[in-house]
Amino acid sequence: MLNIDGSQGEGGGQVLRSALSLSMVTGQGFRIARIRAGRKKPGLMRQHLTAVGAATALCGATVSGDAIGSTELTFSPGKVEAGEHTFSVGTAGSTTLVLQTVLPALLTAGAPSRLTLEGGTHNPFAPPFDFLAKTFLPLVNRMGPRVEATLERAGFYPAGGGRFTVEVTPAAQLSGIELLERGEIMRRSVRGIVSNLPRGIAERELKAVRKKLSWPDECFEVVELRDGHGPGNVVMIEIESEQVCEVFTGFGEVNRPAEAVANHATQQAQRYLRCGAPVGEYLADQLLLPLALAGAGAFETVRLSRHTRTHIDLIGRFCDVSIQTDDHGRDGATVRLG
């Protein structure tokens, strides 16, 4: 059984989620201590317990320490069982983070699966559903499996109440992919999305983005959600190239000006465009595990975050795969597996 320090890297929930994913895939149990030691409120929160519960449901794991506020947890996995599952995070806890915990184990499971996830789908502390559906899953599908996600209802922080389904058709073995050149940019779009809030908020945000990016008017759109649960607002910038569709977001919050929300998303997009790499910072972190399961692959990314470096170290403890990194500073970084 592996012993893991949950305070490594940024000391957040990512270490636990990655360990759960790797444990289910490899069959190796682990004991993690100092969970979320780097956070204001250390220990397990509800959304982390949902991830633990989801992993346990999929593989019949033996678990101890799975309680709110617990800073230690032991997880001994069983055999992964495909099938139909529903996971409810509650309030606005991120459904996408729970999915990213359990999905790797289902990509090579012996049968198809259907998952329903309930909770927050658009949360400032996690990737939104749109990143999952437009950025991450299309690349996973290129590796062999077939994964389709359908948003039924958006759920914004802090109310939550969102819901989406995921259909997974596994592959016998994942195939590696290489994403080393961005290629031509095929499409650009900016959406100002409001749910149960005035349209003017999104209009101000789009005006601020337009001033920074100088894209044609047809790239900009206000979207008013009629079926969203609770008030919510997000600016979403999409840049689709020959290889990848990247999604950058800025979330509205109480007392945060619309212009500040827009600038947050715009700065991410501008840095991505300046670098020229096809893979954004967050996508780099998410690609590591499926490529490690494939045993081969490579990508060029904007930068190696602390999250990504921590993930690389953790994968090395569970998997017998070589991961080499070449940091080019402001010009990005190259990651090679196998």
C-alpha atoms as a PDB file:
ATOM      1  CA  MET A   1       0.000   0.000   0.000  1.00  0.00           C
ATOM      2  CA  LEU A   2       1.375   3.388  -1.032  1.00  0.00           C
ATOM      3  CA  ASN A   3       1.752   6.202   1.495  1.00  0.00           C
ATOM      4  CA  ILE A   4       0.896   9.622   0.063  1.00  0.00           C
ATOM      5  CA  ASP A   5       1.397  13.099   1.502  1.00  0.00           C
ATOM      6  CA  GLY A   6      -1.788  15.034   0.767  1.00  0.00           C
ATOM      7  CA  SER A   7      -0.054  18.364   1.384  1.00  0.00           C
ATOM      8  CA  GLN A   8       2.291  18.070  -1.600  1.00  0.00           C
ATOM      9  CA  GLY A   9       2.028  20.625  -4.389  1.00  0.00           C
ATOM     10  CA  GLU A  10      -0.766  23.089  -3.636  1.00  0.00           C
ATOM     11  CA  GLY A  11      -2.079  20.823  -0.900  1.00  0.00           C
ATOM     12  CA  GLY A  12      -5.609  20.718  -2.316  1.00  0.00           C
ATOM     13  CA  GLY A  13      -8.084  18.017  -3.253  1.00  0.00           C
ATOM     14  CA  GLN A  14      -6.331  17.222  -6.526  1.00  0.00           C
ATOM     15  CA  VAL A  15      -3.850  14.872  -4.851  1.00  0.00           C
ATOM     16  CA  LEU A  16      -6.710  12.814  -3.403  1.00  0.00           C
ATOM     17  CA  ARG A  17      -8.683  12.734  -6.663  1.00  0.00           C
ATOM     18  CA  SER A  18      -5.640  11.694  -8.676  1.00  0.00           C
ATOM     19  CA  ALA A  19      -4.747   9.003  -6.150  1.00  0.00           C
ATOM     20  CA  LEU A  20      -8.291   7.605  -6.342  1.00  0.00           C
ATOM     21  CA  SER A  21      -8.137   7.491 -10.147  1.00  0.00           C
ATOM     22  CA  LEU A  22      -4.733   5.832 -10.194  1.00  0.00           C
ATOM     23  CA  SER A  23      -5.692   3.351  -7.498  1.00  0.00           C
ATOM     24  CA  MET A  24      -8.771   2.176  -9.407  1.00  0.00           C
ATOM     25  CA  VAL A  25      -6.816   1.824 -12.643  1.00  0.00           C
ATOM     26  CA  THR A  26      -3.782   0.015 -11.199  1.00  0.00           C
ATOM     27  CA  GLY A  27      -5.417  -1.922  -8.356  1.00  0.00           C
ATOM     28  CA  GLN A  28      -2.922  -0.488  -5.846  1.00  0.00           C
ATOM     29  CA  GLY A  29      -4.256   0.665  -2.495  1.00  0.00           C
ATOM     30  CA  PHE A  30      -3.045   3.830  -0.781  1.00  0.00           C
ATOM     31  CA  ARG A  31      -3.048   5.665   2.510  1.00  0.00           C
ATOM     32  CA  ILE A  32      -3.139   9.469   2.281  1.00  0.00           C
ATOM     33  CA  ALA A  33      -2.387  11.795   5.199  1.00  0.00           C
ATOM     34  CA  ARG A  34      -2.544  15.594   5.619  1.00  0.00           C
ATOM     35  CA  ILE A  35      -5.421  15.878   3.144  1.00  0.00           C
ATOM     36  CA  ARG A  36      -5.873  19.466   1.908  1.00  0.00           C
ATOM     37  CA  ALA A  37      -3.333  20.646   4.482  1.00  0.00           C
ATOM     38  CA  GLY A  38      -2.696  23.755   2.410  1.00  0.00           C
ATOM     39  CA  ARG A  39      -6.301  24.960   2.578  1.00  0.00           C
ATOM     40  CA  LYS A  40      -8.039  27.299   5.019  1.00  0.00           C
ATOM     41  CA  LYS A  41     -10.308  24.422   6.099  1.00  0.00           C
ATOM     42  CA  PRO A  42      -8.178  21.259   5.936  1.00  0.00           C
ATOM     43  CA  GLY A  43      -9.612  17.790   5.506  1.00  0.00           C
ATOM     44  CA  LEU A  44     -12.345  16.288   3.380  1.00  0.00           C
ATOM     45  CA  MET A  45     -15.296  18.382   2.237  1.00  0.00           C
ATOM     46  CA  ARG A  46     -18.546  17.106   0.786  1.00  0.00           C
ATOM     47  CA  GLN A  47     -17.421  17.133  -2.845  1.00  0.00           C
ATOM     48  CA  HIS A  48     -14.289  15.145  -1.916  1.00  0.00           C
ATOM     49  CA  LEU A  49     -16.444  12.593  -0.114  1.00  0.00           C
ATOM     50  CA  THR A  50     -18.603  12.337  -3.222  1.00  0.00           C
ATOM     51  CA  ALA A  51     -15.472  11.526  -5.247  1.00  0.00           C
ATOM     52  CA  VAL A  52     -14.456   8.901  -2.678  1.00  0.00           C
ATOM     53  CA  GLY A  53     -17.984   7.482  -2.669  1.00  0.00           C
ATOM     54  CA  ALA A  54     -18.099   7.408  -6.463  1.00  0.00           C
ATOM     55  CA  ALA A  55     -14.777   5.575  -6.639  1.00  0.00           C
ATOM     56  CA  THR A  56     -15.926   3.144  -3.955  1.00  0.00           C
ATOM     57  CA  ALA A  57     -19.166   2.442  -5.828  1.00  0.00           C
ATOM     58  CA  LEU A  58     -17.306   1.696  -9.049  1.00  0.00           C
ATOM     59  CA  CYS A  59     -14.763  -0.732  -7.630  1.00  0.00           C
ATOM     60  CA  GLY A  60     -16.171  -2.016  -4.334  1.00  0.00           C
ATOM     61  CA  ALA A  61     -13.276  -0.509  -2.415  1.00  0.00           C
ATOM     62  CA  THR A  62     -12.622  -0.903   1.291  1.00  0.00           C
ATOM     63  CA  VAL A  63     -12.324   2.598   2.765  1.00  0.00           C
ATOM     64  CA  SER A  64     -11.593   4.133   6.154  1.00  0.00           C
ATOM     65  CA  GLY A  65     -11.423   7.804   7.142  1.00  0.00           C
ATOM     66  CA  ASP A  66     -14.182   8.907   4.761  1.00  0.00           C
ATOM     67  CA  ALA A  67     -15.812  11.599   6.898  1.00  0.00           C
ATOM     68  CA  ILE A  68     -16.198  15.380   6.726  1.00  0.00           C
ATOM     69  CA  GLY A  69     -13.039  17.038   8.070  1.00  0.00           C
ATOM     70  CA  SER A  70     -10.949  13.851   7.997  1.00  0.00           C
ATOM     71  CA  THR A  71      -7.296  14.478   7.108  1.00  0.00           C
ATOM     72  CA  GLU A  72      -6.406  10.813   6.572  1.00  0.00           C
ATOM     73  CA  LEU A  73      -7.952   8.171   4.332  1.00  0.00           C
ATOM     74  CA  THR A  74      -7.178   4.578   3.370  1.00  0.00           C
ATOM     75  CA  PHE A  75      -8.453   3.185   0.061  1.00  0.00           C
ATOM     76  CA  SER A  76      -8.139  -0.450  -1.066  1.00  0.00           C
ATOM     77  CA  PRO A  77      -9.753  -0.921  -4.502  1.00  0.00           C
ATOM     78  CA  GLY A  78     -11.580  -3.946  -5.850  1.00  0.00           C
ATOM     79  CA  LYS A  79     -12.465  -4.763  -9.448  1.00  0.00           C
ATOM     80  CA  VAL A  80     -13.929  -1.902 -11.476  1.00  0.00           C
ATOM     81  CA  GLU A  81     -17.551  -2.609 -12.394  1.00  0.00           C
ATOM     82  CA  ALA A  82     -19.052  -0.758 -15.347  1.00  0.00           C
ATOM     83  CA  GLY A  83     -22.749   0.088 -15.306  1.00  0.00           C
ATOM     84  CA  GLU A  84     -25.235   2.823 -14.458  1.00  0.00           C
ATOM     85  CA  HIS A  85     -24.469   5.181 -11.573  1.00  0.00           C
ATOM     86  CA  THR A  86     -25.773   8.478 -10.181  1.00  0.00           C
ATOM     87  CA  PHE A  87     -23.521  10.761  -8.138  1.00  0.00           C
ATOM     88  CA  SER A  88     -24.936  13.813  -6.346  1.00  0.00           C
ATOM     89  CA  VAL A  89     -22.362  16.309  -5.106  1.00  0.00           C
ATOM     90  CA  GLY A  90     -24.898  18.586  -3.404  1.00  0.00           C
ATOM     91  CA  THR A  91     -25.146  22.388  -3.525  1.00  0.00           C
ATOM     92  CA  ALA A  92     -22.506  23.738  -5.928  1.00  0.00           C
ATOM     93  CA  GLY A  93     -19.740  21.179  -5.447  1.00  0.00           C
ATOM     94  CA  SER A  94     -18.087  20.452  -8.780  1.00  0.00           C
ATOM     95  CA  THR A  95     -19.562  17.565 -10.746  1.00  0.00           C
ATOM     96  CA  THR A  96     -16.767  17.765 -13.323  1.00  0.00           C
ATOM     97  CA  LEU A  97     -14.091  17.025 -10.718  1.00  0.00           C
ATOM     98  CA  VAL A  98     -16.024  13.960  -9.573  1.00  0.00           C
ATOM     99  CA  LEU A  99     -16.303  12.761 -13.163  1.00  0.00           C
ATOM    100  CA  GLN A 100     -12.593  13.268 -13.767  1.00  0.00           C
ATOM    101  CA  THR A 101     -11.929  11.082 -10.727  1.00  0.00           C
ATOM    102  CA  VAL A 102     -13.904   8.062 -11.945  1.00  0.00           C
ATOM    103  CA  LEU A 103     -13.654   8.374 -15.737  1.00  0.00           C
ATOM    104  CA  PRO A 104     -10.137   6.902 -16.234  1.00  0.00           C
ATOM    105  CA  ALA A 105     -11.199   3.598 -14.674  1.00  0.00           C
ATOM    106  CA  LEU A 106     -14.186   3.347 -17.038  1.00  0.00           C
ATOM    107  CA  LEU A 107     -12.222   4.015 -20.233  1.00  0.00           C
ATOM    108  CA  THR A 108     -10.972   0.414 -20.355  1.00  0.00           C
ATOM    109  CA  ALA A 109     -13.694  -1.274 -18.285  1.00  0.00           C
ATOM    110  CA  GLY A 110     -15.251  -4.435 -19.690  1.00  0.00           C
ATOM    111  CA  ALA A 111     -18.626  -2.889 -20.557  1.00  0.00           C
ATOM    112  CA  PRO A 112     -20.296   0.480 -21.253  1.00  0.00           C
ATOM    113  CA  SER A 113     -21.315   2.822 -18.437  1.00  0.00           C
ATOM    114  CA  ARG A 114     -23.864   5.578 -17.985  1.00  0.00           C
ATOM    115  CA  LEU A 115     -23.262   8.202 -15.310  1.00  0.00           C
ATOM    116  CA  THR A 116     -25.561  10.930 -14.023  1.00  0.00           C
ATOM    117  CA  LEU A 117     -23.918  13.740 -12.051  1.00  0.00           C
ATOM    118  CA  GLU A 118     -25.824  16.328 -10.030  1.00  0.00           C
ATOM    119  CA  GLY A 119     -24.507  19.509  -8.417  1.00  0.00           C
ATOM    120  CA  GLY A 120     -22.432  22.412  -9.729  1.00  0.00           C
ATOM    121  CA  THR A 121     -21.656  22.372 -13.451  1.00  0.00           C
ATOM    122  CA  HIS A 122     -20.266  25.922 -13.630  1.00  0.00           C
ATOM    123  CA  ASN A 123     -18.073  26.593 -10.621  1.00  0.00           C
ATOM    124  CA  PRO A 124     -15.190  29.117 -10.365  1.00  0.00           C
ATOM    125  CA  PHE A 125     -13.071  26.542  -8.512  1.00  0.00           C
ATOM    126  CA  ALA A 126     -13.211  23.838 -11.188  1.00  0.00           C
ATOM    127  CA  PRO A 127     -13.413  23.380 -14.965  1.00  0.00           C
ATOM    128  CA  PRO A 128     -16.927  24.023 -16.304  1.00  0.00           C
ATOM    129  CA  PHE A 129     -18.972  21.447 -18.176  1.00  0.00           C
ATOM    130  CA  ASP A 130     -18.036  23.180 -21.451  1.00  0.00           C
ATOM    131  CA  PHE A 131     -14.327  22.438 -20.912  1.00  0.00           C
ATOM    132  CA  LEU A 132     -15.194  18.806 -20.342  1.00  0.00           C
ATOM    133  CA  ALA A 133     -17.428  18.472 -23.409  1.00  0.00           C
ATOM    134  CA  LYS A 134     -15.492  20.617 -25.894  1.00  0.00           C
ATOM    135  CA  THR A 135     -11.857  20.352 -24.804  1.00  0.00           C
ATOM    136  CA  PHE A 136     -11.106  17.203 -22.813  1.00  0.00           C
ATOM    137  CA  LEU A 137     -13.516  14.507 -24.033  1.00  0.00           C
ATOM    138  CA  PRO A 138     -12.841  14.985 -27.781  1.00  0.00           C
ATOM    139  CA  LEU A 139      -9.180  14.199 -27.084  1.00  0.00           C
ATOM    140  CA  VAL A 140     -10.078  11.179 -24.950  1.00  0.00           C
ATOM    141  CA  ASN A 141     -12.208   9.940 -27.852  1.00  0.00           C
ATOM    142  CA  ARG A 142      -9.194  10.154 -30.144  1.00  0.00           C
ATOM    143  CA  MET A 143      -7.470   7.647 -27.855  1.00  0.00           C
ATOM    144  CA  GLY A 144     -10.009   4.910 -28.565  1.00  0.00           C
ATOM    145  CA  PRO A 145     -12.975   5.062 -26.144  1.00  0.00           C
ATOM    146  CA  ARG A 146     -16.210   6.863 -26.911  1.00  0.00           C
ATOM    147  CA  VAL A 147     -17.383   9.301 -24.235  1.00  0.00           C
ATOM    148  CA  GLU A 148     -20.349  11.621 -24.738  1.00  0.00           C
ATOM    149  CA  ALA A 149     -21.543  14.182 -22.179  1.00  0.00           C
ATOM    150  CA  THR A 150     -24.947  15.886 -22.273  1.00  0.00           C
ATOM    151  CA  LEU A 151     -25.824  18.915 -20.152  1.00  0.00           C
ATOM    152  CA  GLU A 152     -29.415  18.731 -18.918  1.00  0.00           C
ATOM    153  CA  ARG A 153     -29.389  21.755 -16.607  1.00  0.00           C
ATOM    154  CA  ALA A 154     -26.681  24.256 -15.673  1.00  0.00           C
ATOM    155  CA  GLY A 155     -25.913  24.696 -11.982  1.00  0.00           C
ATOM    156  CA  PHE A 156     -23.966  27.784 -10.911  1.00  0.00           C
ATOM    157  CA  TYR A 157     -22.066  28.470  -7.701  1.00  0.00           C
ATOM    158  CA  PRO A 158     -23.286  28.740  -4.957  1.00  0.00           C
ATOM    159  CA  ALA A 159     -26.787  27.339  -5.625  1.00  0.00           C
ATOM    160  CA  GLY A 160     -25.746  24.322  -7.700  1.00  0.00           C
ATOM    161  CA  GLY A 161     -28.666  22.208  -8.879  1.00  0.00           C
ATOM    162  CA  GLY A 162     -27.096  21.278 -12.225  1.00  0.00           C
ATOM    163  CA  ARG A 163     -27.235  17.916 -13.921  1.00  0.00           C
ATOM    164  CA  PHE A 164     -25.486  16.140 -16.799  1.00  0.00           C
ATOM    165  CA  THR A 165     -25.139  12.600 -18.103  1.00  0.00           C
ATOM    166  CA  VAL A 166     -22.134  10.771 -19.523  1.00  0.00           C
ATOM    167  CA  GLU A 167     -22.165   7.705 -21.774  1.00  0.00           C
ATOM    168  CA  VAL A 168     -18.899   5.734 -21.809  1.00  0.00           C
ATOM    169  CA  THR A 169     -18.080   3.058 -24.382  1.00  0.00           C
ATOM    170  CA  PRO A 170     -14.677   1.669 -23.344  1.00  0.00           C
ATOM    171  CA  ALA A 171     -11.720   0.572 -25.448  1.00  0.00           C
ATOM    172  CA  ALA A 172      -9.618  -2.536 -24.891  1.00  0.00           C
ATOM    173  CA  GLN A 173      -6.503  -0.343 -24.824  1.00  0.00           C
ATOM    174  CA  LEU A 174      -5.944   3.407 -25.056  1.00  0.00           C
ATOM    175  CA  SER A 175      -3.824   4.764 -27.911  1.00  0.00           C
ATOM    176  CA  GLY A 176      -1.385   7.605 -27.361  1.00  0.00           C
ATOM    177  CA  ILE A 177      -1.743  10.923 -29.175  1.00  0.00           C
ATOM    178  CA  GLU A 178       0.665  13.776 -29.914  1.00  0.00           C
ATOM    179  CA  LEU A 179      -0.300  17.435 -29.661  1.00  0.00           C
ATOM    180  CA  LEU A 180       2.883  19.297 -30.521  1.00  0.00           C
ATOM    181  CA  GLU A 181       1.631  21.978 -32.929  1.00  0.00           C
ATOM    182  CA  ARG A 182      -1.474  24.131 -32.689  1.00  0.00           C
ATOM    183  CA  GLY A 183      -2.008  24.548 -36.410  1.00  0.00           C
ATOM    184  CA  GLU A 184      -4.452  27.054 -37.849  1.00  0.00           C
ATOM    185  CA  ILE A 185      -7.096  28.615 -35.627  1.00  0.00           C
ATOM    186  CA  MET A 186     -10.416  27.574 -37.139  1.00  0.00           C
ATOM    187  CA  ARG A 187     -12.948  29.300 -34.879  1.00  0.00           C
ATOM    188  CA  ARG A 188     -13.136  31.895 -32.108  1.00  0.00           C
ATOM    189  CA  SER A 189     -16.103  32.760 -29.947  1.00  0.00           C
ATOM    190  CA  VAL A 190     -16.979  34.658 -26.789  1.00  0.00           C
ATOM    191  CA  ARG A 191     -20.195  34.024 -24.883  1.00  0.00           C
ATOM    192  CA  GLY A 192     -21.483  36.079 -22.001  1.00  0.00           C
ATOM    193  CA  ILE A 193     -23.824  33.706 -20.160  1.00  0.00           C
ATOM    194  CA  VAL A 194     -26.354  34.808 -17.540  1.00  0.00           C
ATOM    195  CA  SER A 195     -28.814  32.702 -15.570  1.00  0.00           C
ATOM    196  CA  ASN A 196     -31.571  34.579 -13.719  1.00  0.00           C
ATOM    197  CA  LEU A 197     -29.551  37.796 -13.941  1.00  0.00           C
ATOM    198  CA  PRO A 198     -29.887  40.958 -16.087  1.00  0.00           C
ATOM    199  CA  ARG A 199     -28.744  40.679 -19.698  1.00  0.00           C
ATOM    200  CA  GLY A 200     -26.775  43.895 -19.255  1.00  0.00           C
ATOM    201  CA  ILE A 201     -24.141  42.094 -17.170  1.00  0.00           C
ATOM    202  CA  ALA A 202     -23.182  39.880 -20.107  1.00  0.00           C
ATOM    203  CA  GLU A 203     -23.280  42.834 -22.515  1.00  0.00           C
ATOM    204  CA  ARG A 204     -20.772  44.750 -20.370  1.00  0.00           C
ATOM    205  CA  GLU A 205     -18.519  41.707 -20.207  1.00  0.00           C
ATOM    206  CA  LEU A 206     -18.545  41.215 -23.964  1.00  0.00           C
ATOM    207  CA  LYS A 207     -17.766  44.896 -24.485  1.00  0.00           C
ATOM    208  CA  ALA A 208     -14.697  44.540 -22.236  1.00  0.00           C
ATOM    209  CA  VAL A 209     -13.488  41.405 -24.040  1.00  0.00           C
ATOM    210  CA  ARG A 210     -14.048  42.992 -27.466  1.00  0.00           C
ATOM    211  CA  LYS A 211     -11.895  45.947 -26.451  1.00  0.00           C
ATOM    212  CA  LYS A 212      -8.986  43.631 -25.522  1.00  0.00           C
ATOM    213  CA  LEU A 213      -9.186  41.035 -28.311  1.00  0.00           C
ATOM    214  CA  SER A 214     -10.503  43.115 -31.241  1.00  0.00           C
ATOM    215  CA  TRP A 215     -12.291  40.119 -32.756  1.00  0.00           C
ATOM    216  CA  PRO A 216     -15.143  40.550 -35.294  1.00  0.00           C
ATOM    217  CA  ASP A 217     -18.635  41.211 -33.942  1.00  0.00           C
ATOM    218  CA  GLU A 218     -19.884  37.801 -35.083  1.00  0.00           C
ATOM    219  CA  CYS A 219     -17.595  36.162 -32.493  1.00  0.00           C
ATOM    220  CA  PHE A 220     -19.632  37.597 -29.602  1.00  0.00           C
ATOM    221  CA  GLU A 221     -22.930  36.343 -28.211  1.00  0.00           C
ATOM    222  CA  VAL A 222     -25.089  36.916 -25.136  1.00  0.00           C
ATOM    223  CA  VAL A 223     -26.720  33.719 -23.842  1.00  0.00           C
ATOM    224  CA  GLU A 224     -29.630  33.926 -21.393  1.00  0.00           C
ATOM    225  CA  LEU A 225     -30.308  30.582 -19.707  1.00  0.00           C
ATOM    226  CA  ARG A 226     -33.963  29.992 -18.926  1.00  0.00           C
ATOM    227  CA  ASP A 227     -33.552  26.650 -17.184  1.00  0.00           C
ATOM    228  CA  GLY A 228     -30.461  27.333 -15.074  1.00  0.00           C
ATOM    229  CA  HIS A 229     -30.764  26.677 -11.353  1.00  0.00           C
ATOM    230  CA  GLY A 230     -30.052  29.794  -9.301  1.00  0.00           C
ATOM    231  CA  PRO A 231     -28.388  33.021 -10.436  1.00  0.00           C
ATOM    232  CA  GLY A 232     -25.095  32.715 -12.266  1.00  0.00           C
ATOM    233  CA  ASN A 233     -22.798  34.348 -14.785  1.00  0.00           C
ATOM    234  CA  VAL A 234     -19.769  33.252 -16.777  1.00  0.00           C
ATOM    235  CA  VAL A 235     -17.751  34.638 -19.676  1.00  0.00           C
ATOM    236  CA  MET A 236     -16.546  31.827 -21.919  1.00  0.00           C
ATOM    237  CA  ILE A 237     -13.861  32.289 -24.584  1.00  0.00           C
ATOM    238  CA  GLU A 238     -13.368  29.408 -27.024  1.00  0.00           C
ATOM    239  CA  ILE A 239     -10.402  29.079 -29.371  1.00  0.00           C
ATOM    240  CA  GLU A 240     -10.614  26.111 -31.720  1.00  0.00           C
ATOM    241  CA  SER A 241      -7.505  25.112 -33.651  1.00  0.00           C
ATOM    242  CA  GLU A 242      -6.735  22.122 -35.867  1.00  0.00           C
ATOM    243  CA  GLN A 243      -5.797  20.078 -32.785  1.00  0.00           C
ATOM    244  CA  VAL A 244      -7.676  21.396 -29.755  1.00  0.00           C
ATOM    245  CA  CYS A 245     -10.632  23.537 -28.718  1.00  0.00           C
ATOM    246  CA  GLU A 246      -9.539  25.447 -25.613  1.00  0.00           C
ATOM    247  CA  VAL A 247     -12.045  27.088 -23.262  1.00  0.00           C
ATOM    248  CA  PHE A 248     -11.188  29.997 -20.948  1.00  0.00           C
ATOM    249  CA  THR A 249     -13.599  31.305 -18.335  1.00  0.00           C
ATOM    250  CA  GLY A 250     -14.285  34.160 -15.966  1.00  0.00           C
ATOM    251  CA  PHE A 251     -17.045  33.732 -13.374  1.00  0.00           C
ATOM    252  CA  GLY A 252     -19.256  36.460 -12.033  1.00  0.00           C
ATOM    253  CA  GLU A 253     -19.331  36.901  -8.265  1.00  0.00           C
ATOM    254  CA  VAL A 254     -21.071  39.250  -5.850  1.00  0.00           C
ATOM    255  CA  ASN A 255     -19.357  42.679  -5.840  1.00  0.00           C
ATOM    256  CA  ARG A 256     -17.068  41.713  -8.732  1.00  0.00           C
ATOM    257  CA  PRO A 257     -17.404  44.145 -11.673  1.00  0.00           C
ATOM    258  CA  ALA A 258     -18.348  42.679 -15.045  1.00  0.00           C
ATOM    259  CA  GLU A 259     -15.164  44.153 -16.504  1.00  0.00           C
ATOM    260  CA  ALA A 260     -13.012  42.253 -13.975  1.00  0.00           C
ATOM    261  CA  VAL A 261     -14.790  39.000 -14.849  1.00  0.00           C
ATOM    262  CA  ALA A 262     -14.136  39.621 -18.543  1.00  0.00           C
ATOM    263  CA  ASN A 263     -10.490  40.536 -18.003  1.00  0.00           C
ATOM    264  CA  HIS A 264      -9.825  37.299 -16.107  1.00  0.00           C
ATOM    265  CA  ALA A 265     -10.948  35.206 -19.076  1.00  0.00           C
ATOM    266  CA  THR A 266      -9.292  37.502 -21.606  1.00  0.00           C
ATOM    267  CA  GLN A 267      -5.872  37.339 -19.950  1.00  0.00           C
ATOM    268  CA  GLN A 268      -5.927  33.535 -20.069  1.00  0.00           C
ATOM    269  CA  ALA A 269      -6.839  33.579 -23.762  1.00  0.00           C
ATOM    270  CA  GLN A 270      -4.177  36.169 -24.592  1.00  0.00           C
ATOM    271  CA  ARG A 271      -1.438  34.167 -22.875  1.00  0.00           C
ATOM    272  CA  TYR A 272      -2.535  31.053 -24.752  1.00  0.00           C
ATOM    273  CA  LEU A 273      -2.472  32.867 -28.093  1.00  0.00           C
ATOM    274  CA  ARG A 274       0.958  34.407 -27.428  1.00  0.00           C
ATOM    275  CA  CYS A 275       2.583  31.082 -26.599  1.00  0.00           C
ATOM    276  CA  GLY A 276       1.522  29.124 -29.668  1.00  0.00           C
ATOM    277  CA  ALA A 277       1.286  25.778 -27.844  1.00  0.00           C
ATOM    278  CA  PRO A 278      -1.873  23.724 -28.541  1.00  0.00           C
ATOM    279  CA  VAL A 279      -2.491  22.607 -24.942  1.00  0.00           C
ATOM    280  CA  GLY A 280      -3.564  25.034 -22.230  1.00  0.00           C
ATOM    281  CA  GLU A 281      -2.424  24.871 -18.620  1.00  0.00           C
ATOM    282  CA  TYR A 282      -5.420  23.004 -17.209  1.00  0.00           C
ATOM    283  CA  LEU A 283      -5.760  20.600 -20.139  1.00  0.00           C
ATOM    284  CA  ALA A 284      -2.112  19.601 -19.670  1.00  0.00           C
ATOM    285  CA  ASP A 285      -2.920  18.352 -16.189  1.00  0.00           C
ATOM    286  CA  GLN A 286      -5.954  16.399 -17.412  1.00  0.00           C
ATOM    287  CA  LEU A 287      -4.177  14.725 -20.338  1.00  0.00           C
ATOM    288  CA  LEU A 288      -1.485  13.128 -18.195  1.00  0.00           C
ATOM    289  CA  LEU A 289      -3.462  10.198 -16.808  1.00  0.00           C
ATOM    290  CA  PRO A 290      -5.089   8.945 -20.044  1.00  0.00           C
ATOM    291  CA  LEU A 291      -1.736   9.237 -21.819  1.00  0.00           C
ATOM    292  CA  ALA A 292      -0.059   7.346 -18.971  1.00  0.00           C
ATOM    293  CA  LEU A 293      -2.671   4.592 -19.379  1.00  0.00           C
ATOM    294  CA  ALA A 294      -1.895   4.517 -23.096  1.00  0.00           C
ATOM    295  CA  GLY A 295       1.797   4.269 -22.266  1.00  0.00           C
ATOM    296  CA  ALA A 296       2.766   6.851 -24.876  1.00  0.00           C
ATOM    297  CA  GLY A 297       2.059  10.371 -26.075  1.00  0.00           C
ATOM    298  CA  ALA A 298       3.382  13.912 -26.134  1.00  0.00           C
ATOM    299  CA  PHE A 299       2.111  17.467 -25.988  1.00  0.00           C
ATOM    300  CA  GLU A 300       3.290  21.060 -26.005  1.00  0.00           C
ATOM    301  CA  THR A 301       1.710  23.223 -23.328  1.00  0.00           C
ATOM    302  CA  VAL A 302       1.653  26.853 -22.238  1.00  0.00           C
ATOM    303  CA  ARG A 303       3.327  26.091 -18.912  1.00  0.00           C
ATOM    304  CA  LEU A 304       3.800  23.368 -16.299  1.00  0.00           C
ATOM    305  CA  SER A 305       1.728  24.340 -13.279  1.00  0.00           C
ATOM    306  CA  ARG A 306       2.306  23.056  -9.754  1.00  0.00           C
ATOM    307  CA  HIS A 307      -0.784  20.901 -10.256  1.00  0.00           C
ATOM    308  CA  THR A 308       0.778  19.295 -13.310  1.00  0.00           C
ATOM    309  CA  ARG A 309       4.150  18.698 -11.654  1.00  0.00           C
ATOM    310  CA  THR A 310       2.432  17.126  -8.641  1.00  0.00           C
ATOM    311  CA  HIS A 311       0.362  14.932 -10.947  1.00  0.00           C
ATOM    312  CA  ILE A 312       3.483  13.756 -12.774  1.00  0.00           C
ATOM    313  CA  ASP A 313       5.102  12.741  -9.478  1.00  0.00           C
ATOM    314  CA  LEU A 314       1.980  10.881  -8.366  1.00  0.00           C
ATOM    315  CA  ILE A 315       1.599   9.000 -11.650  1.00  0.00           C
ATOM    316  CA  GLY A 316       5.220   7.878 -11.304  1.00  0.00           C
ATOM    317  CA  ARG A 317       4.396   6.250  -7.978  1.00  0.00           C
ATOM    318  CA  PHE A 318       1.496   4.217  -9.370  1.00  0.00           C
ATOM    319  CA  CYS A 319       2.475   3.552 -12.999  1.00  0.00           C
ATOM    320  CA  ASP A 320       5.542   2.173 -14.739  1.00  0.00           C
ATOM    321  CA  VAL A 321       5.711   4.876 -17.390  1.00  0.00           C
ATOM    322  CA  SER A 322       8.435   7.393 -18.177  1.00  0.00           C
ATOM    323  CA  ILE A 323       7.368  11.055 -18.185  1.00  0.00           C
ATOM    324  CA  GLN A 324       9.907  13.592 -19.414  1.00  0.00           C
ATOM    325  CA  THR A 325       9.443  17.357 -19.318  1.00  0.00           C
ATOM    326  CA  ASP A 326      11.322  20.122 -21.102  1.00  0.00           C
ATOM    327  CA  ASP A 327      10.470  23.582 -19.787  1.00  0.00           C
ATOM    328  CA  HIS A 328      11.003  26.376 -22.337  1.00  0.00           C
ATOM    329  CA  GLY A 329      10.107  29.216 -19.962  1.00  0.00           C
ATOM    330  CA  ARG A 330       7.791  31.766 -21.575  1.00  0.00           C
ATOM    331  CA  ASP A 331       7.702  29.666 -24.742  1.00  0.00           C
ATOM    332  CA  GLY A 332       5.903  26.806 -22.986  1.00  0.00           C
ATOM    333  CA  ALA A 333       6.936  23.257 -22.154  1.00  0.00           C
ATOM    334  CA  THR A 334       7.033  19.821 -23.790  1.00  0.00           C
ATOM    335  CA  VAL A 335       5.814  16.682 -22.024  1.00  0.00           C
ATOM    336  CA  ARG A 336       6.586  13.189 -23.378  1.00  0.00           C
ATOM    337  CA  LEU A 337       5.343   9.865 -22.056  1.00  0.00           C
ATOM    338  CA  GLY A 338       6.671   6.409 -22.854  1.00  0.00           C
END
